[in-house]
Amino acid sequence: MKSSLRPYAFALFSLLLIPVFNACIPEDDLDPDTGDPREKFIGSWIFSDAPALRSVKATYTVTISNDPGNSTQVLLRNFAGAGGMYSAYGIVTADRITVPEQEMATGFIVEGSGDLTSDDFMEWQYTITAGGDMENFSASASR
């Protein structure tokens, strides 16, 4: 009779050990990883920029949000200081947002890219074409 209980006792003992091994998983590993590279860009950013040929600096807020219509894109409201009612779209790849050439408002064309250098800092290079004149800008953005 003793030998017939041994397989059941081993199975019961094995089942009791499962919670012990699961308790060793670090809590950080329990959070779901969305895998969405856009998340690190989402929020309000303070841009400080200057045209390449002048020393005039401008500071303005750009709000970056997910583009609900495209899983690789973000929307940049007030990009290039165009005004809060205007948005550009950008394509996110790893630590970069690329703003392809696009007309944000009639006659106001933007194009450029920004690199995330830390969790709270980006460096941007972009151009604005307005009224046929093109101007290059460098900007830093922080939150």
C-alpha atoms as a PDB file:
ATOM      1  CA  MET A   1       0.000   0.000   0.000  1.00  0.00           C
ATOM      2  CA  LYS A   2       2.917   2.328   0.737  1.00  0.00           C
ATOM      3  CA  SER A   3       4.327   2.085  -2.792  1.00  0.00           C
ATOM      4  CA  SER A   4       0.985   3.006  -4.434  1.00  0.00           C
ATOM      5  CA  LEU A   5       0.863   6.338  -2.512  1.00  0.00           C
ATOM      6  CA  ARG A   6       4.377   7.375  -3.490  1.00  0.00           C
ATOM      7  CA  PRO A   7       3.527   8.672  -7.053  1.00  0.00           C
ATOM      8  CA  TYR A   8       0.610  10.700  -5.632  1.00  0.00           C
ATOM      9  CA  ALA A   9       2.777  12.180  -2.880  1.00  0.00           C
ATOM     10  CA  PHE A  10       5.413  13.221  -5.440  1.00  0.00           C
ATOM     11  CA  ALA A  11       2.767  14.855  -7.660  1.00  0.00           C
ATOM     12  CA  LEU A  12       1.262  16.713  -4.687  1.00  0.00           C
ATOM     13  CA  PHE A  13       4.705  17.892  -3.566  1.00  0.00           C
ATOM     14  CA  SER A  14       5.470  19.134  -7.133  1.00  0.00           C
ATOM     15  CA  LEU A  15       2.228  21.113  -7.260  1.00  0.00           C
ATOM     16  CA  LEU A  16       3.068  22.788  -3.956  1.00  0.00           C
ATOM     17  CA  LEU A  17       6.433  24.008  -5.329  1.00  0.00           C
ATOM     18  CA  ILE A  18       4.963  25.842  -8.350  1.00  0.00           C
ATOM     19  CA  PRO A  19       3.952  28.968  -6.362  1.00  0.00           C
ATOM     20  CA  VAL A  20       7.410  29.080  -4.770  1.00  0.00           C
ATOM     21  CA  PHE A  21       9.156  29.260  -8.162  1.00  0.00           C
ATOM     22  CA  ASN A  22       6.674  31.819  -9.549  1.00  0.00           C
ATOM     23  CA  ALA A  23       7.325  34.065  -6.558  1.00  0.00           C
ATOM     24  CA  CYS A  24      10.910  34.520  -7.788  1.00  0.00           C
ATOM     25  CA  ILE A  25       9.871  36.536 -10.877  1.00  0.00           C
ATOM     26  CA  PRO A  26      10.885  40.215 -10.453  1.00  0.00           C
ATOM     27  CA  GLU A  27       7.933  42.595 -10.321  1.00  0.00           C
ATOM     28  CA  ASP A  28       9.259  44.600 -13.281  1.00  0.00           C
ATOM     29  CA  ASP A  29       8.830  41.537 -15.471  1.00  0.00           C
ATOM     30  CA  LEU A  30       5.135  41.348 -14.598  1.00  0.00           C
ATOM     31  CA  ASP A  31       4.284  44.680 -16.246  1.00  0.00           C
ATOM     32  CA  PRO A  32       3.203  44.193 -19.826  1.00  0.00           C
ATOM     33  CA  ASP A  33       5.641  45.575 -22.383  1.00  0.00           C
ATOM     34  CA  THR A  34       3.573  47.388 -24.965  1.00  0.00           C
ATOM     35  CA  GLY A  35       6.453  47.270 -27.412  1.00  0.00           C
ATOM     36  CA  ASP A  36       5.264  50.631 -28.755  1.00  0.00           C
ATOM     37  CA  PRO A  37       8.323  52.801 -29.500  1.00  0.00           C
ATOM     38  CA  ARG A  38       6.097  55.911 -29.574  1.00  0.00           C
ATOM     39  CA  GLU A  39       5.387  55.839 -25.832  1.00  0.00           C
ATOM     40  CA  LYS A  40       8.693  57.445 -24.836  1.00  0.00           C
ATOM     41  CA  PHE A  41       7.848  60.532 -26.920  1.00  0.00           C
ATOM     42  CA  ILE A  42       4.279  61.107 -25.712  1.00  0.00           C
ATOM     43  CA  GLY A  43       3.690  64.285 -23.715  1.00  0.00           C
ATOM     44  CA  SER A  44       4.433  68.006 -23.701  1.00  0.00           C
ATOM     45  CA  TRP A  45       7.883  69.171 -24.753  1.00  0.00           C
ATOM     46  CA  ILE A  46       9.378  72.648 -24.434  1.00  0.00           C
ATOM     47  CA  PHE A  47      11.181  73.453 -27.691  1.00  0.00           C
ATOM     48  CA  SER A  48      13.905  76.065 -27.830  1.00  0.00           C
ATOM     49  CA  ASP A  49      15.062  76.788 -31.352  1.00  0.00           C
ATOM     50  CA  ALA A  50      16.974  79.247 -33.446  1.00  0.00           C
ATOM     51  CA  PRO A  51      17.281  79.713 -37.187  1.00  0.00           C
ATOM     52  CA  ALA A  52      20.705  78.813 -38.515  1.00  0.00           C
ATOM     53  CA  LEU A  53      21.346  82.267 -39.985  1.00  0.00           C
ATOM     54  CA  ARG A  54      20.064  84.449 -37.103  1.00  0.00           C
ATOM     55  CA  SER A  55      20.501  84.556 -33.351  1.00  0.00           C
ATOM     56  CA  VAL A  56      16.792  84.970 -32.574  1.00  0.00           C
ATOM     57  CA  LYS A  57      15.594  82.181 -30.279  1.00  0.00           C
ATOM     58  CA  ALA A  58      12.025  81.013 -29.856  1.00  0.00           C
ATOM     59  CA  THR A  59      10.531  78.880 -27.093  1.00  0.00           C
ATOM     60  CA  TYR A  60       7.194  77.100 -27.461  1.00  0.00           C
ATOM     61  CA  THR A  61       5.417  73.919 -26.359  1.00  0.00           C
ATOM     62  CA  VAL A  62       4.872  70.961 -28.687  1.00  0.00           C
ATOM     63  CA  THR A  63       2.429  68.266 -27.607  1.00  0.00           C
ATOM     64  CA  ILE A  64       3.205  64.805 -28.980  1.00  0.00           C
ATOM     65  CA  SER A  65       0.450  62.186 -29.063  1.00  0.00           C
ATOM     66  CA  ASN A  66      -0.116  58.820 -30.715  1.00  0.00           C
ATOM     67  CA  ASP A  67      -1.659  58.961 -34.176  1.00  0.00           C
ATOM     68  CA  PRO A  68      -4.782  56.810 -33.748  1.00  0.00           C
ATOM     69  CA  GLY A  69      -4.833  56.064 -37.471  1.00  0.00           C
ATOM     70  CA  ASN A  70      -1.272  54.747 -37.771  1.00  0.00           C
ATOM     71  CA  SER A  71       0.664  52.666 -35.226  1.00  0.00           C
ATOM     72  CA  THR A  72       4.075  53.996 -36.325  1.00  0.00           C
ATOM     73  CA  GLN A  73       3.191  57.690 -36.292  1.00  0.00           C
ATOM     74  CA  VAL A  74       2.809  60.478 -33.760  1.00  0.00           C
ATOM     75  CA  LEU A  75       1.104  63.844 -34.055  1.00  0.00           C
ATOM     76  CA  LEU A  76       3.121  66.939 -33.104  1.00  0.00           C
ATOM     77  CA  ARG A  77       0.753  69.792 -32.244  1.00  0.00           C
ATOM     78  CA  ASN A  78       2.354  73.236 -32.633  1.00  0.00           C
ATOM     79  CA  PHE A  79       5.451  71.788 -34.319  1.00  0.00           C
ATOM     80  CA  ALA A  80       7.835  74.540 -35.481  1.00  0.00           C
ATOM     81  CA  GLY A  81       5.783  77.007 -33.445  1.00  0.00           C
ATOM     82  CA  ALA A  82       3.057  76.966 -36.095  1.00  0.00           C
ATOM     83  CA  GLY A  83       0.250  77.429 -33.564  1.00  0.00           C
ATOM     84  CA  GLY A  84      -1.771  75.091 -31.374  1.00  0.00           C
ATOM     85  CA  MET A  85      -4.356  74.406 -34.043  1.00  0.00           C
ATOM     86  CA  TYR A  86      -1.767  72.957 -36.435  1.00  0.00           C
ATOM     87  CA  SER A  87      -0.169  69.517 -36.272  1.00  0.00           C
ATOM     88  CA  ALA A  88       2.495  67.689 -38.211  1.00  0.00           C
ATOM     89  CA  TYR A  89       2.811  63.935 -38.259  1.00  0.00           C
ATOM     90  CA  GLY A  90       6.046  62.128 -37.550  1.00  0.00           C
ATOM     91  CA  ILE A  91       7.193  58.561 -38.071  1.00  0.00           C
ATOM     92  CA  VAL A  92       8.814  56.914 -35.048  1.00  0.00           C
ATOM     93  CA  THR A  93      11.719  54.495 -35.414  1.00  0.00           C
ATOM     94  CA  ALA A  94      13.638  53.535 -32.265  1.00  0.00           C
ATOM     95  CA  ASP A  95      14.802  56.845 -30.731  1.00  0.00           C
ATOM     96  CA  ARG A  96      13.952  59.114 -33.679  1.00  0.00           C
ATOM     97  CA  ILE A  97      10.939  60.997 -34.990  1.00  0.00           C
ATOM     98  CA  THR A  98      11.113  61.826 -38.691  1.00  0.00           C
ATOM     99  CA  VAL A  99       8.768  64.525 -39.963  1.00  0.00           C
ATOM    100  CA  PRO A 100       8.494  63.986 -43.717  1.00  0.00           C
ATOM    101  CA  GLU A 101       7.931  67.031 -45.901  1.00  0.00           C
ATOM    102  CA  GLN A 102       4.356  68.181 -45.368  1.00  0.00           C
ATOM    103  CA  GLU A 103       2.234  71.292 -45.556  1.00  0.00           C
ATOM    104  CA  MET A 104       0.979  72.125 -42.060  1.00  0.00           C
ATOM    105  CA  ALA A 105      -0.921  75.221 -43.203  1.00  0.00           C
ATOM    106  CA  THR A 106      -1.326  76.890 -46.554  1.00  0.00           C
ATOM    107  CA  GLY A 107       2.161  77.779 -47.753  1.00  0.00           C
ATOM    108  CA  PHE A 108       3.838  76.549 -44.509  1.00  0.00           C
ATOM    109  CA  ILE A 109       5.897  73.418 -45.247  1.00  0.00           C
ATOM    110  CA  VAL A 110       7.969  71.581 -42.620  1.00  0.00           C
ATOM    111  CA  GLU A 111      10.424  68.696 -42.730  1.00  0.00           C
ATOM    112  CA  GLY A 112      12.992  67.343 -40.272  1.00  0.00           C
ATOM    113  CA  SER A 113      13.863  64.909 -37.518  1.00  0.00           C
ATOM    114  CA  GLY A 114      14.503  64.718 -33.813  1.00  0.00           C
ATOM    115  CA  ASP A 115      16.599  62.279 -31.815  1.00  0.00           C
ATOM    116  CA  LEU A 116      15.826  61.262 -28.244  1.00  0.00           C
ATOM    117  CA  THR A 117      19.131  61.582 -26.355  1.00  0.00           C
ATOM    118  CA  SER A 118      17.701  60.826 -22.896  1.00  0.00           C
ATOM    119  CA  ASP A 119      14.265  60.197 -21.384  1.00  0.00           C
ATOM    120  CA  ASP A 120      13.622  63.937 -21.164  1.00  0.00           C
ATOM    121  CA  PHE A 121      15.690  65.507 -23.956  1.00  0.00           C
ATOM    122  CA  MET A 122      15.636  65.615 -27.774  1.00  0.00           C
ATOM    123  CA  GLU A 123      17.773  67.318 -30.415  1.00  0.00           C
ATOM    124  CA  TRP A 124      16.006  68.478 -33.611  1.00  0.00           C
ATOM    125  CA  GLN A 125      16.994  69.651 -37.088  1.00  0.00           C
ATOM    126  CA  TYR A 126      14.228  70.854 -39.371  1.00  0.00           C
ATOM    127  CA  THR A 127      13.373  73.256 -42.170  1.00  0.00           C
ATOM    128  CA  ILE A 128      10.454  75.583 -42.712  1.00  0.00           C
ATOM    129  CA  THR A 129       9.494  76.771 -46.157  1.00  0.00           C
ATOM    130  CA  ALA A 130       7.089  79.703 -46.121  1.00  0.00           C
ATOM    131  CA  GLY A 131       6.292  81.955 -49.054  1.00  0.00           C
ATOM    132  CA  GLY A 132       8.954  80.197 -51.091  1.00  0.00           C
ATOM    133  CA  ASP A 133      11.735  80.962 -48.578  1.00  0.00           C
ATOM    134  CA  MET A 134      13.415  78.033 -46.823  1.00  0.00           C
ATOM    135  CA  GLU A 135      15.042  78.364 -43.412  1.00  0.00           C
ATOM    136  CA  ASN A 136      16.969  75.742 -41.396  1.00  0.00           C
ATOM    137  CA  PHE A 137      16.502  75.373 -37.637  1.00  0.00           C
ATOM    138  CA  SER A 138      18.216  73.565 -34.785  1.00  0.00           C
ATOM    139  CA  ALA A 139      16.198  72.952 -31.640  1.00  0.00           C
ATOM    140  CA  SER A 140      16.419  71.240 -28.309  1.00  0.00           C
ATOM    141  CA  ALA A 141      13.346  69.889 -26.585  1.00  0.00           C
ATOM    142  CA  SER A 142      12.904  68.962 -22.934  1.00  0.00           C
ATOM    143  CA  ARG A 143      10.060  68.006 -20.639  1.00  0.00           C
END
